[in-house]
């Protein structure tokens, strides 16, 4: 028969609307009703505290939850894990740690945070503030160094299989970061921007977007992809199979770079310009465009292509089969160079 021990402690004061305090104990579960209108549930060794019309739940040894200011904090820790959830000022914090994992999460000022760690993983600095949302998932010996959202922003982080990542968004921005299979991914977005980074297979992917910009970086199989847009610009970088792709646009520009099969794609665009660079099969494509210009470079099969355009011009360079193509254009000119 289930035995329930009920302990009630009433706190009397001079004010007629004072809330009474009560403690309920049922097996391994302890429920505390605080004078400040909080409900704290500590189960199976967990430690929960709640004040000011809030709810906190902590399940398992190593689980800690604290809620205040009409907030909700739920923390679960299993199998030698530690899980910390802290919520304040109309916020929600949920954390789940399993199999020798660790989570430290906090949400404040109308924010929401969801954190999950499994299989010897770590979510170290999870925080959401000022109407922001943060979602973090670490699995299989992975490490989320930082996943933060502030000032109406969103940060999403997923690390799997011995991977490492950082995802930070601030000032009405979004950061999406995914790292898988011994990879590193970094996304930082600020001032109404979006940064997306995806790394898989011993790869580094990094995206930093600021001032109403968008950056997309995708790396796969021992590659490096970097997108670095500024000032209302867009950067796309894709690298695959031991390749490098780097895109750097600024001032209302677009830069696209693609590297595949031991190749390099590198593009730089500024002042309302567009640069596209493509390298494939042990080749290098490099494009630089400025002042309302367009530069394109395409290189394949052990080749080099270089496109340079400035001052309302267009340069297009294509190189194949061990050749080099260089196209330069300036002052409202057009230059097209193709090699066999």
C-alpha atoms as a PDB file:
ATOM      1  CA  UNK A   1       0.000   0.000   0.000  1.00  0.00           C
ATOM      2  CA  UNK A   2       1.271   3.425  -0.923  1.00  0.00           C
ATOM      3  CA  UNK A   3       1.996   5.422   2.187  1.00  0.00           C
ATOM      4  CA  UNK A   4       1.560   9.155   1.948  1.00  0.00           C
ATOM      5  CA  UNK A   5       3.019  11.505   4.491  1.00  0.00           C
ATOM      6  CA  UNK A   6       1.298  14.883   4.482  1.00  0.00           C
ATOM      7  CA  UNK A   7       2.822  17.780   6.324  1.00  0.00           C
ATOM      8  CA  UNK A   8       1.094  21.134   6.352  1.00  0.00           C
ATOM      9  CA  UNK A   9       2.774  24.230   7.718  1.00  0.00           C
ATOM     10  CA  UNK A  10       0.729  27.411   7.853  1.00  0.00           C
ATOM     11  CA  UNK A  11       2.348  30.800   8.007  1.00  0.00           C
ATOM     12  CA  UNK A  12       0.199  33.484   9.597  1.00  0.00           C
ATOM     13  CA  UNK A  13       0.803  37.172   9.008  1.00  0.00           C
ATOM     14  CA  UNK A  14      -0.739  40.536   9.486  1.00  0.00           C
ATOM     15  CA  UNK A  15      -2.122  40.766   5.925  1.00  0.00           C
ATOM     16  CA  UNK A  16      -5.433  39.088   5.096  1.00  0.00           C
ATOM     17  CA  UNK A  17      -4.351  38.062   1.543  1.00  0.00           C
ATOM     18  CA  UNK A  18      -1.123  36.308   2.561  1.00  0.00           C
ATOM     19  CA  UNK A  19      -0.731  32.894   0.863  1.00  0.00           C
ATOM     20  CA  UNK A  20      -0.219  29.920   3.145  1.00  0.00           C
ATOM     21  CA  UNK A  21       2.766  27.581   2.792  1.00  0.00           C
ATOM     22  CA  UNK A  22       2.449  23.813   2.642  1.00  0.00           C
ATOM     23  CA  UNK A  23       4.712  20.825   2.111  1.00  0.00           C
ATOM     24  CA  UNK A  24       3.466  17.499   0.719  1.00  0.00           C
ATOM     25  CA  UNK A  25       5.646  14.398   0.785  1.00  0.00           C
ATOM     26  CA  UNK A  26       4.719  11.299  -1.185  1.00  0.00           C
ATOM     27  CA  UNK A  27       7.432   8.692  -1.467  1.00  0.00           C
ATOM     28  CA  UNK A  28      10.423  10.303  -3.197  1.00  0.00           C
ATOM     29  CA  UNK A  29       8.387  13.324  -4.303  1.00  0.00           C
ATOM     30  CA  UNK A  30       8.265  16.549  -2.301  1.00  0.00           C
ATOM     31  CA  UNK A  31       5.830  19.321  -3.202  1.00  0.00           C
ATOM     32  CA  UNK A  32       6.283  22.766  -1.689  1.00  0.00           C
ATOM     33  CA  UNK A  33       3.654  25.503  -1.871  1.00  0.00           C
ATOM     34  CA  UNK A  34       5.429  28.731  -0.992  1.00  0.00           C
ATOM     35  CA  UNK A  35       3.955  31.877   0.604  1.00  0.00           C
ATOM     36  CA  UNK A  36       4.756  33.719  -2.635  1.00  0.00           C
ATOM     37  CA  UNK A  37       2.404  31.495  -4.642  1.00  0.00           C
ATOM     38  CA  UNK A  38       5.066  29.164  -6.048  1.00  0.00           C
ATOM     39  CA  UNK A  39       4.838  25.418  -6.588  1.00  0.00           C
ATOM     40  CA  UNK A  40       8.071  23.418  -6.357  1.00  0.00           C
ATOM     41  CA  UNK A  41       8.185  19.689  -7.069  1.00  0.00           C
ATOM     42  CA  UNK A  42      11.359  17.828  -6.132  1.00  0.00           C
ATOM     43  CA  UNK A  43      11.324  14.189  -7.199  1.00  0.00           C
ATOM     44  CA  UNK A  44      13.823  11.368  -6.734  1.00  0.00           C
ATOM     45  CA  UNK A  45      16.571  13.573  -5.325  1.00  0.00           C
ATOM     46  CA  UNK A  46      15.918  16.667  -7.429  1.00  0.00           C
ATOM     47  CA  UNK A  47      16.013  20.188  -6.036  1.00  0.00           C
ATOM     48  CA  UNK A  48      13.270  22.616  -7.084  1.00  0.00           C
ATOM     49  CA  UNK A  49      12.497  26.125  -5.849  1.00  0.00           C
ATOM     50  CA  UNK A  50       9.690  28.435  -6.951  1.00  0.00           C
ATOM     51  CA  UNK A  51       8.394  31.877  -5.995  1.00  0.00           C
ATOM     52  CA  UNK A  52       5.984  34.508  -7.282  1.00  0.00           C
ATOM     53  CA  UNK A  53       3.275  32.353  -8.896  1.00  0.00           C
ATOM     54  CA  UNK A  54       5.788  30.097 -10.653  1.00  0.00           C
ATOM     55  CA  UNK A  55       6.230  26.345 -11.084  1.00  0.00           C
ATOM     56  CA  UNK A  56       9.485  24.421 -10.803  1.00  0.00           C
ATOM     57  CA  UNK A  57       9.995  20.685 -11.276  1.00  0.00           C
ATOM     58  CA  UNK A  58      13.246  18.774 -10.706  1.00  0.00           C
ATOM     59  CA  UNK A  59      13.470  15.042 -11.353  1.00  0.00           C
ATOM     60  CA  UNK A  60      16.467  12.925 -10.387  1.00  0.00           C
ATOM     61  CA  UNK A  61      19.734  13.428  -8.530  1.00  0.00           C
ATOM     62  CA  UNK A  62      21.646  16.208 -10.259  1.00  0.00           C
ATOM     63  CA  UNK A  63      18.474  18.051 -11.309  1.00  0.00           C
ATOM     64  CA  UNK A  64      18.053  21.664 -10.250  1.00  0.00           C
ATOM     65  CA  UNK A  65      15.145  23.957 -11.138  1.00  0.00           C
ATOM     66  CA  UNK A  66      14.404  27.500 -10.092  1.00  0.00           C
ATOM     67  CA  UNK A  67      11.417  29.553 -11.266  1.00  0.00           C
ATOM     68  CA  UNK A  68      10.310  33.065 -10.405  1.00  0.00           C
ATOM     69  CA  UNK A  69       8.163  35.843 -11.818  1.00  0.00           C
ATOM     70  CA  UNK A  70       5.308  33.709 -13.198  1.00  0.00           C
ATOM     71  CA  UNK A  71       7.683  31.316 -14.948  1.00  0.00           C
ATOM     72  CA  UNK A  72       8.103  27.570 -15.417  1.00  0.00           C
ATOM     73  CA  UNK A  73      11.308  25.573 -14.984  1.00  0.00           C
ATOM     74  CA  UNK A  74      11.548  21.821 -15.537  1.00  0.00           C
ATOM     75  CA  UNK A  75      14.739  19.826 -15.162  1.00  0.00           C
ATOM     76  CA  UNK A  76      15.379  16.095 -15.535  1.00  0.00           C
ATOM     77  CA  UNK A  77      18.647  14.269 -14.842  1.00  0.00           C
ATOM     78  CA  UNK A  78      19.233  10.545 -15.295  1.00  0.00           C
ATOM     79  CA  UNK A  79      22.167   8.142 -15.294  1.00  0.00           C
ATOM     80  CA  UNK A  80      24.918  10.209 -13.627  1.00  0.00           C
ATOM     81  CA  UNK A  81      23.849  13.453 -15.323  1.00  0.00           C
ATOM     82  CA  UNK A  82      23.345  17.023 -14.196  1.00  0.00           C
ATOM     83  CA  UNK A  83      20.580  19.312 -15.418  1.00  0.00           C
ATOM     84  CA  UNK A  84      19.970  22.939 -14.435  1.00  0.00           C
ATOM     85  CA  UNK A  85      16.931  25.002 -15.502  1.00  0.00           C
ATOM     86  CA  UNK A  86      16.369  28.564 -14.375  1.00  0.00           C
ATOM     87  CA  UNK A  87      13.413  30.692 -15.512  1.00  0.00           C
ATOM     88  CA  UNK A  88      12.439  34.226 -14.520  1.00  0.00           C
ATOM     89  CA  UNK A  89       9.998  36.949 -15.595  1.00  0.00           C
ATOM     90  CA  UNK A  90       7.334  35.082 -17.568  1.00  0.00           C
ATOM     91  CA  UNK A  91       9.762  32.566 -19.101  1.00  0.00           C
ATOM     92  CA  UNK A  92      10.028  28.807 -19.626  1.00  0.00           C
ATOM     93  CA  UNK A  93      13.102  26.606 -19.250  1.00  0.00           C
ATOM     94  CA  UNK A  94      13.188  22.877 -19.972  1.00  0.00           C
ATOM     95  CA  UNK A  95      16.276  20.685 -19.703  1.00  0.00           C
ATOM     96  CA  UNK A  96      16.832  16.949 -20.030  1.00  0.00           C
ATOM     97  CA  UNK A  97      20.185  15.288 -19.387  1.00  0.00           C
ATOM     98  CA  UNK A  98      20.835  11.570 -19.793  1.00  0.00           C
ATOM     99  CA  UNK A  99      23.770   9.148 -19.773  1.00  0.00           C
ATOM    100  CA  UNK A 100      26.617  11.106 -18.122  1.00  0.00           C
ATOM    101  CA  UNK A 101      25.615  14.453 -19.645  1.00  0.00           C
ATOM    102  CA  UNK A 102      25.438  18.041 -18.402  1.00  0.00           C
ATOM    103  CA  UNK A 103      23.097  20.987 -19.097  1.00  0.00           C
ATOM    104  CA  UNK A 104      23.146  24.552 -17.790  1.00  0.00           C
ATOM    105  CA  UNK A 105      20.210  26.646 -19.068  1.00  0.00           C
ATOM    106  CA  UNK A 106      18.504  29.909 -18.185  1.00  0.00           C
ATOM    107  CA  UNK A 107      15.574  31.895 -19.629  1.00  0.00           C
ATOM    108  CA  UNK A 108      14.544  35.421 -18.622  1.00  0.00           C
ATOM    109  CA  UNK A 109      12.138  38.158 -19.727  1.00  0.00           C
ATOM    110  CA  UNK A 110       9.405  36.361 -21.696  1.00  0.00           C
ATOM    111  CA  UNK A 111      11.781  33.804 -23.239  1.00  0.00           C
ATOM    112  CA  UNK A 112      11.810  30.053 -23.853  1.00  0.00           C
ATOM    113  CA  UNK A 113      14.679  27.585 -23.743  1.00  0.00           C
ATOM    114  CA  UNK A 114      14.695  23.840 -24.462  1.00  0.00           C
ATOM    115  CA  UNK A 115      17.872  21.855 -23.851  1.00  0.00           C
ATOM    116  CA  UNK A 116      18.658  18.182 -24.341  1.00  0.00           C
ATOM    117  CA  UNK A 117      21.918  16.322 -23.774  1.00  0.00           C
ATOM    118  CA  UNK A 118      22.529  12.600 -24.187  1.00  0.00           C
ATOM    119  CA  UNK A 119      25.398  10.099 -24.270  1.00  0.00           C
ATOM    120  CA  UNK A 120      28.313  11.926 -22.595  1.00  0.00           C
ATOM    121  CA  UNK A 121      27.363  15.306 -24.069  1.00  0.00           C
ATOM    122  CA  UNK A 122      27.487  18.839 -22.734  1.00  0.00           C
ATOM    123  CA  UNK A 123      25.294  21.915 -23.194  1.00  0.00           C
ATOM    124  CA  UNK A 124      27.338  24.515 -21.387  1.00  0.00           C
ATOM    125  CA  UNK A 125      25.932  28.001 -21.894  1.00  0.00           C
ATOM    126  CA  UNK A 126      22.287  27.923 -22.903  1.00  0.00           C
ATOM    127  CA  UNK A 127      20.534  31.229 -22.356  1.00  0.00           C
ATOM    128  CA  UNK A 128      17.513  33.083 -23.719  1.00  0.00           C
ATOM    129  CA  UNK A 129      16.580  36.658 -22.877  1.00  0.00           C
ATOM    130  CA  UNK A 130      14.176  39.419 -23.891  1.00  0.00           C
ATOM    131  CA  UNK A 131      11.482  37.570 -25.857  1.00  0.00           C
ATOM    132  CA  UNK A 132      13.880  35.041 -27.400  1.00  0.00           C
ATOM    133  CA  UNK A 133      13.866  31.291 -28.056  1.00  0.00           C
ATOM    134  CA  UNK A 134      16.736  28.831 -27.775  1.00  0.00           C
ATOM    135  CA  UNK A 135      16.671  25.134 -28.681  1.00  0.00           C
ATOM    136  CA  UNK A 136      19.715  22.953 -28.083  1.00  0.00           C
ATOM    137  CA  UNK A 137      20.384  19.266 -28.655  1.00  0.00           C
ATOM    138  CA  UNK A 138      23.669  17.477 -28.003  1.00  0.00           C
ATOM    139  CA  UNK A 139      24.189  13.774 -28.603  1.00  0.00           C
ATOM    140  CA  UNK A 140      26.978  11.172 -28.740  1.00  0.00           C
ATOM    141  CA  UNK A 141      29.962  12.839 -27.039  1.00  0.00           C
ATOM    142  CA  UNK A 142      29.154  16.285 -28.434  1.00  0.00           C
ATOM    143  CA  UNK A 143      29.596  19.746 -26.957  1.00  0.00           C
ATOM    144  CA  UNK A 144      27.503  22.889 -27.349  1.00  0.00           C
ATOM    145  CA  UNK A 145      29.796  25.649 -26.117  1.00  0.00           C
ATOM    146  CA  UNK A 146      27.242  28.423 -26.345  1.00  0.00           C
ATOM    147  CA  UNK A 147      23.679  28.686 -27.598  1.00  0.00           C
ATOM    148  CA  UNK A 148      22.217  32.090 -26.823  1.00  0.00           C
ATOM    149  CA  UNK A 149      19.341  34.281 -27.984  1.00  0.00           C
ATOM    150  CA  UNK A 150      18.649  37.850 -26.900  1.00  0.00           C
ATOM    151  CA  UNK A 151      16.387  40.738 -27.923  1.00  0.00           C
ATOM    152  CA  UNK A 152      13.662  38.924 -29.898  1.00  0.00           C
ATOM    153  CA  UNK A 153      16.031  36.367 -31.443  1.00  0.00           C
ATOM    154  CA  UNK A 154      16.130  32.600 -32.069  1.00  0.00           C
ATOM    155  CA  UNK A 155      19.041  30.186 -31.776  1.00  0.00           C
ATOM    156  CA  UNK A 156      18.815  26.522 -32.779  1.00  0.00           C
ATOM    157  CA  UNK A 157      21.701  24.138 -32.127  1.00  0.00           C
ATOM    158  CA  UNK A 158      22.214  20.463 -32.936  1.00  0.00           C
ATOM    159  CA  UNK A 159      25.466  18.625 -32.262  1.00  0.00           C
ATOM    160  CA  UNK A 160      25.928  14.920 -32.860  1.00  0.00           C
ATOM    161  CA  UNK A 161      28.690  12.316 -32.885  1.00  0.00           C
ATOM    162  CA  UNK A 162      31.794  13.952 -31.388  1.00  0.00           C
ATOM    163  CA  UNK A 163      30.966  17.421 -32.701  1.00  0.00           C
ATOM    164  CA  UNK A 164      31.300  20.953 -31.387  1.00  0.00           C
ATOM    165  CA  UNK A 165      29.262  24.101 -32.037  1.00  0.00           C
ATOM    166  CA  UNK A 166      28.401  27.665 -31.049  1.00  0.00           C
ATOM    167  CA  UNK A 167      25.126  29.388 -31.995  1.00  0.00           C
ATOM    168  CA  UNK A 168      24.410  32.979 -30.944  1.00  0.00           C
ATOM    169  CA  UNK A 169      21.692  35.398 -32.116  1.00  0.00           C
ATOM    170  CA  UNK A 170      20.882  38.911 -30.945  1.00  0.00           C
ATOM    171  CA  UNK A 171      18.758  41.925 -31.950  1.00  0.00           C
ATOM    172  CA  UNK A 172      15.887  40.312 -33.903  1.00  0.00           C
ATOM    173  CA  UNK A 173      18.119  37.681 -35.539  1.00  0.00           C
ATOM    174  CA  UNK A 174      18.199  33.927 -36.131  1.00  0.00           C
ATOM    175  CA  UNK A 175      21.101  31.480 -35.848  1.00  0.00           C
ATOM    176  CA  UNK A 176      20.790  27.847 -36.957  1.00  0.00           C
ATOM    177  CA  UNK A 177      23.762  25.586 -36.343  1.00  0.00           C
ATOM    178  CA  UNK A 178      24.275  21.880 -37.036  1.00  0.00           C
ATOM    179  CA  UNK A 179      27.432  19.838 -36.492  1.00  0.00           C
ATOM    180  CA  UNK A 180      27.721  16.108 -37.139  1.00  0.00           C
ATOM    181  CA  UNK A 181      30.446  13.466 -37.301  1.00  0.00           C
ATOM    182  CA  UNK A 182      33.530  15.102 -35.762  1.00  0.00           C
ATOM    183  CA  UNK A 183      32.684  18.562 -37.094  1.00  0.00           C
ATOM    184  CA  UNK A 184      32.715  22.139 -35.857  1.00  0.00           C
ATOM    185  CA  UNK A 185      29.976  24.657 -36.692  1.00  0.00           C
ATOM    186  CA  UNK A 186      29.680  28.303 -35.654  1.00  0.00           C
ATOM    187  CA  UNK A 187      26.786  30.720 -36.317  1.00  0.00           C
ATOM    188  CA  UNK A 188      26.566  34.319 -35.113  1.00  0.00           C
ATOM    189  CA  UNK A 189      23.740  36.642 -36.220  1.00  0.00           C
ATOM    190  CA  UNK A 190      23.040  40.219 -35.179  1.00  0.00           C
ATOM    191  CA  UNK A 191      20.859  43.209 -36.115  1.00  0.00           C
ATOM    192  CA  UNK A 192      17.971  41.599 -38.019  1.00  0.00           C
ATOM    193  CA  UNK A 193      20.161  38.952 -39.670  1.00  0.00           C
ATOM    194  CA  UNK A 194      20.175  35.189 -40.257  1.00  0.00           C
ATOM    195  CA  UNK A 195      23.172  32.881 -39.976  1.00  0.00           C
ATOM    196  CA  UNK A 196      23.038  29.189 -40.934  1.00  0.00           C
ATOM    197  CA  UNK A 197      25.926  26.760 -40.559  1.00  0.00           C
ATOM    198  CA  UNK A 198      26.017  23.044 -41.301  1.00  0.00           C
ATOM    199  CA  UNK A 199      29.087  20.885 -40.871  1.00  0.00           C
ATOM    200  CA  UNK A 200      29.301  17.149 -41.431  1.00  0.00           C
ATOM    201  CA  UNK A 201      32.157  14.690 -41.661  1.00  0.00           C
ATOM    202  CA  UNK A 202      35.309  16.263 -40.111  1.00  0.00           C
ATOM    203  CA  UNK A 203      34.315  19.690 -41.398  1.00  0.00           C
ATOM    204  CA  UNK A 204      34.297  23.326 -40.276  1.00  0.00           C
ATOM    205  CA  UNK A 205      31.311  25.531 -41.160  1.00  0.00           C
ATOM    206  CA  UNK A 206      31.071  29.104 -39.944  1.00  0.00           C
ATOM    207  CA  UNK A 207      28.570  31.868 -40.668  1.00  0.00           C
ATOM    208  CA  UNK A 208      28.586  35.406 -39.266  1.00  0.00           C
ATOM    209  CA  UNK A 209      25.809  37.734 -40.454  1.00  0.00           C
ATOM    210  CA  UNK A 210      25.209  41.298 -39.313  1.00  0.00           C
ATOM    211  CA  UNK A 211      23.106  44.341 -40.224  1.00  0.00           C
ATOM    212  CA  UNK A 212      20.131  42.851 -42.102  1.00  0.00           C
ATOM    213  CA  UNK A 213      22.218  40.151 -43.802  1.00  0.00           C
ATOM    214  CA  UNK A 214      21.990  36.414 -44.476  1.00  0.00           C
ATOM    215  CA  UNK A 215      24.828  33.920 -44.332  1.00  0.00           C
ATOM    216  CA  UNK A 216      24.677  30.240 -45.305  1.00  0.00           C
ATOM    217  CA  UNK A 217      27.669  27.958 -44.828  1.00  0.00           C
ATOM    218  CA  UNK A 218      27.618  24.244 -45.654  1.00  0.00           C
ATOM    219  CA  UNK A 219      30.633  21.993 -45.294  1.00  0.00           C
ATOM    220  CA  UNK A 220      30.942  18.262 -45.864  1.00  0.00           C
ATOM    221  CA  UNK A 221      33.700  15.635 -45.786  1.00  0.00           C
ATOM    222  CA  UNK A 222      36.913  17.285 -44.562  1.00  0.00           C
ATOM    223  CA  UNK A 223      36.043  20.745 -45.898  1.00  0.00           C
ATOM    224  CA  UNK A 224      35.847  24.361 -44.773  1.00  0.00           C
ATOM    225  CA  UNK A 225      32.894  26.647 -45.535  1.00  0.00           C
ATOM    226  CA  UNK A 226      32.671  30.267 -44.400  1.00  0.00           C
ATOM    227  CA  UNK A 227      29.987  32.910 -45.034  1.00  0.00           C
ATOM    228  CA  UNK A 228      30.604  36.458 -43.813  1.00  0.00           C
ATOM    229  CA  UNK A 229      27.959  38.968 -44.987  1.00  0.00           C
ATOM    230  CA  UNK A 230      27.585  42.558 -43.759  1.00  0.00           C
ATOM    231  CA  UNK A 231      25.222  45.482 -44.397  1.00  0.00           C
ATOM    232  CA  UNK A 232      22.148  44.085 -46.183  1.00  0.00           C
ATOM    233  CA  UNK A 233      24.129  41.387 -48.007  1.00  0.00           C
ATOM    234  CA  UNK A 234      23.861  37.653 -48.713  1.00  0.00           C
ATOM    235  CA  UNK A 235      26.631  35.066 -48.559  1.00  0.00           C
ATOM    236  CA  UNK A 236      26.413  31.419 -49.622  1.00  0.00           C
ATOM    237  CA  UNK A 237      29.361  29.065 -49.189  1.00  0.00           C
ATOM    238  CA  UNK A 238      29.379  25.343 -50.001  1.00  0.00           C
ATOM    239  CA  UNK A 239      32.399  23.087 -49.643  1.00  0.00           C
ATOM    240  CA  UNK A 240      32.587  19.330 -50.175  1.00  0.00           C
ATOM    241  CA  UNK A 241      35.281  16.632 -50.362  1.00  0.00           C
ATOM    242  CA  UNK A 242      38.461  18.290 -49.013  1.00  0.00           C
ATOM    243  CA  UNK A 243      37.524  21.724 -50.360  1.00  0.00           C
ATOM    244  CA  UNK A 244      37.322  25.351 -49.284  1.00  0.00           C
ATOM    245  CA  UNK A 245      34.515  27.861 -49.890  1.00  0.00           C
ATOM    246  CA  UNK A 246      34.579  31.434 -48.590  1.00  0.00           C
ATOM    247  CA  UNK A 247      32.059  34.191 -49.364  1.00  0.00           C
ATOM    248  CA  UNK A 248      32.468  37.794 -48.177  1.00  0.00           C
ATOM    249  CA  UNK A 249      29.846  40.343 -49.335  1.00  0.00           C
ATOM    250  CA  UNK A 250      29.158  43.827 -47.951  1.00  0.00           C
ATOM    251  CA  UNK A 251      27.000  46.889 -48.681  1.00  0.00           C
ATOM    252  CA  UNK A 252      23.937  45.373 -50.396  1.00  0.00           C
ATOM    253  CA  UNK A 253      25.939  42.708 -52.256  1.00  0.00           C
ATOM    254  CA  UNK A 254      25.826  38.957 -52.896  1.00  0.00           C
ATOM    255  CA  UNK A 255      28.714  36.503 -52.807  1.00  0.00           C
ATOM    256  CA  UNK A 256      28.428  32.815 -53.718  1.00  0.00           C
ATOM    257  CA  UNK A 257      31.232  30.278 -53.564  1.00  0.00           C
ATOM    258  CA  UNK A 258      31.382  26.549 -54.198  1.00  0.00           C
ATOM    259  CA  UNK A 259      34.300  24.178 -53.784  1.00  0.00           C
ATOM    260  CA  UNK A 260      34.188  20.469 -54.551  1.00  0.00           C
ATOM    261  CA  UNK A 261      36.731  17.653 -54.883  1.00  0.00           C
ATOM    262  CA  UNK A 262      39.923  19.238 -53.497  1.00  0.00           C
ATOM    263  CA  UNK A 263      39.014  22.677 -54.847  1.00  0.00           C
ATOM    264  CA  UNK A 264      38.630  26.287 -53.748  1.00  0.00           C
ATOM    265  CA  UNK A 265      35.826  28.782 -54.302  1.00  0.00           C
ATOM    266  CA  UNK A 266      36.454  32.305 -53.043  1.00  0.00           C
ATOM    267  CA  UNK A 267      34.204  35.323 -53.657  1.00  0.00           C
ATOM    268  CA  UNK A 268      34.239  38.952 -52.476  1.00  0.00           C
ATOM    269  CA  UNK A 269      31.537  41.501 -53.361  1.00  0.00           C
ATOM    270  CA  UNK A 270      30.994  45.090 -52.223  1.00  0.00           C
ATOM    271  CA  UNK A 271      28.854  48.143 -53.031  1.00  0.00           C
ATOM    272  CA  UNK A 272      25.778  46.614 -54.698  1.00  0.00           C
ATOM    273  CA  UNK A 273      27.753  43.914 -56.548  1.00  0.00           C
ATOM    274  CA  UNK A 274      27.618  40.160 -57.167  1.00  0.00           C
ATOM    275  CA  UNK A 275      30.472  37.659 -57.102  1.00  0.00           C
ATOM    276  CA  UNK A 276      30.201  33.969 -57.998  1.00  0.00           C
ATOM    277  CA  UNK A 277      33.124  31.574 -57.664  1.00  0.00           C
ATOM    278  CA  UNK A 278      33.163  27.846 -58.451  1.00  0.00           C
ATOM    279  CA  UNK A 279      35.988  25.357 -58.193  1.00  0.00           C
ATOM    280  CA  UNK A 280      35.794  21.631 -58.976  1.00  0.00           C
ATOM    281  CA  UNK A 281      38.236  18.740 -59.447  1.00  0.00           C
ATOM    282  CA  UNK A 282      41.449  20.190 -57.978  1.00  0.00           C
ATOM    283  CA  UNK A 283      40.696  23.711 -59.225  1.00  0.00           C
ATOM    284  CA  UNK A 284      40.464  27.277 -57.909  1.00  0.00           C
ATOM    285  CA  UNK A 285      37.775  29.847 -58.665  1.00  0.00           C
ATOM    286  CA  UNK A 286      38.209  33.425 -57.454  1.00  0.00           C
ATOM    287  CA  UNK A 287      35.809  36.333 -58.020  1.00  0.00           C
ATOM    288  CA  UNK A 288      35.996  39.938 -56.836  1.00  0.00           C
ATOM    289  CA  UNK A 289      33.296  42.495 -57.672  1.00  0.00           C
ATOM    290  CA  UNK A 290      32.813  46.092 -56.528  1.00  0.00           C
ATOM    291  CA  UNK A 291      30.771  49.222 -57.345  1.00  0.00           C
ATOM    292  CA  UNK A 292      27.648  47.777 -59.002  1.00  0.00           C
ATOM    293  CA  UNK A 293      29.554  45.033 -60.862  1.00  0.00           C
ATOM    294  CA  UNK A 294      29.387  41.284 -61.461  1.00  0.00           C
ATOM    295  CA  UNK A 295      32.288  38.831 -61.401  1.00  0.00           C
ATOM    296  CA  UNK A 296      32.006  35.123 -62.250  1.00  0.00           C
ATOM    297  CA  UNK A 297      34.666  32.433 -62.166  1.00  0.00           C
ATOM    298  CA  UNK A 298      34.345  28.755 -63.027  1.00  0.00           C
ATOM    299  CA  UNK A 299      37.269  26.354 -62.819  1.00  0.00           C
ATOM    300  CA  UNK A 300      37.385  22.581 -63.191  1.00  0.00           C
ATOM    301  CA  UNK A 301      39.831  19.748 -63.838  1.00  0.00           C
ATOM    302  CA  UNK A 302      43.077  21.176 -62.392  1.00  0.00           C
ATOM    303  CA  UNK A 303      42.365  24.737 -63.562  1.00  0.00           C
ATOM    304  CA  UNK A 304      42.374  28.303 -62.260  1.00  0.00           C
ATOM    305  CA  UNK A 305      39.736  30.965 -63.020  1.00  0.00           C
ATOM    306  CA  UNK A 306      39.859  34.576 -61.869  1.00  0.00           C
ATOM    307  CA  UNK A 307      37.163  37.192 -62.441  1.00  0.00           C
ATOM    308  CA  UNK A 308      37.654  40.823 -61.417  1.00  0.00           C
ATOM    309  CA  UNK A 309      35.018  43.520 -62.055  1.00  0.00           C
ATOM    310  CA  UNK A 310      34.751  47.137 -60.901  1.00  0.00           C
ATOM    311  CA  UNK A 311      32.655  50.242 -61.625  1.00  0.00           C
ATOM    312  CA  UNK A 312      29.483  48.936 -63.282  1.00  0.00           C
ATOM    313  CA  UNK A 313      31.315  46.159 -65.159  1.00  0.00           C
ATOM    314  CA  UNK A 314      31.060  42.408 -65.771  1.00  0.00           C
ATOM    315  CA  UNK A 315      33.870  39.849 -65.817  1.00  0.00           C
ATOM    316  CA  UNK A 316      33.382  36.172 -66.624  1.00  0.00           C
ATOM    317  CA  UNK A 317      36.228  33.643 -66.490  1.00  0.00           C
ATOM    318  CA  UNK A 318      35.963  29.921 -67.303  1.00  0.00           C
ATOM    319  CA  UNK A 319      38.881  27.496 -67.176  1.00  0.00           C
ATOM    320  CA  UNK A 320      38.987  23.763 -67.984  1.00  0.00           C
ATOM    321  CA  UNK A 321      41.488  20.899 -68.183  1.00  0.00           C
ATOM    322  CA  UNK A 322      44.609  22.359 -66.633  1.00  0.00           C
ATOM    323  CA  UNK A 323      44.264  25.908 -67.991  1.00  0.00           C
ATOM    324  CA  UNK A 324      44.115  29.388 -66.490  1.00  0.00           C
ATOM    325  CA  UNK A 325      41.485  32.008 -67.324  1.00  0.00           C
ATOM    326  CA  UNK A 326      41.686  35.621 -66.133  1.00  0.00           C
ATOM    327  CA  UNK A 327      38.952  38.144 -66.900  1.00  0.00           C
ATOM    328  CA  UNK A 328      39.130  41.764 -65.726  1.00  0.00           C
ATOM    329  CA  UNK A 329      36.657  44.562 -66.414  1.00  0.00           C
ATOM    330  CA  UNK A 330      36.491  48.182 -65.304  1.00  0.00           C
ATOM    331  CA  UNK A 331      34.522  51.356 -66.047  1.00  0.00           C
ATOM    332  CA  UNK A 332      31.319  49.966 -67.579  1.00  0.00           C
ATOM    333  CA  UNK A 333      33.155  47.261 -69.547  1.00  0.00           C
ATOM    334  CA  UNK A 334      32.549  43.549 -70.126  1.00  0.00           C
ATOM    335  CA  UNK A 335      35.248  40.896 -70.243  1.00  0.00           C
ATOM    336  CA  UNK A 336      34.654  37.223 -71.075  1.00  0.00           C
ATOM    337  CA  UNK A 337      37.472  34.672 -71.108  1.00  0.00           C
ATOM    338  CA  UNK A 338      36.988  30.953 -71.841  1.00  0.00           C
ATOM    339  CA  UNK A 339      39.725  28.357 -72.088  1.00  0.00           C
ATOM    340  CA  UNK A 340      39.217  24.961 -73.733  1.00  0.00           C
END
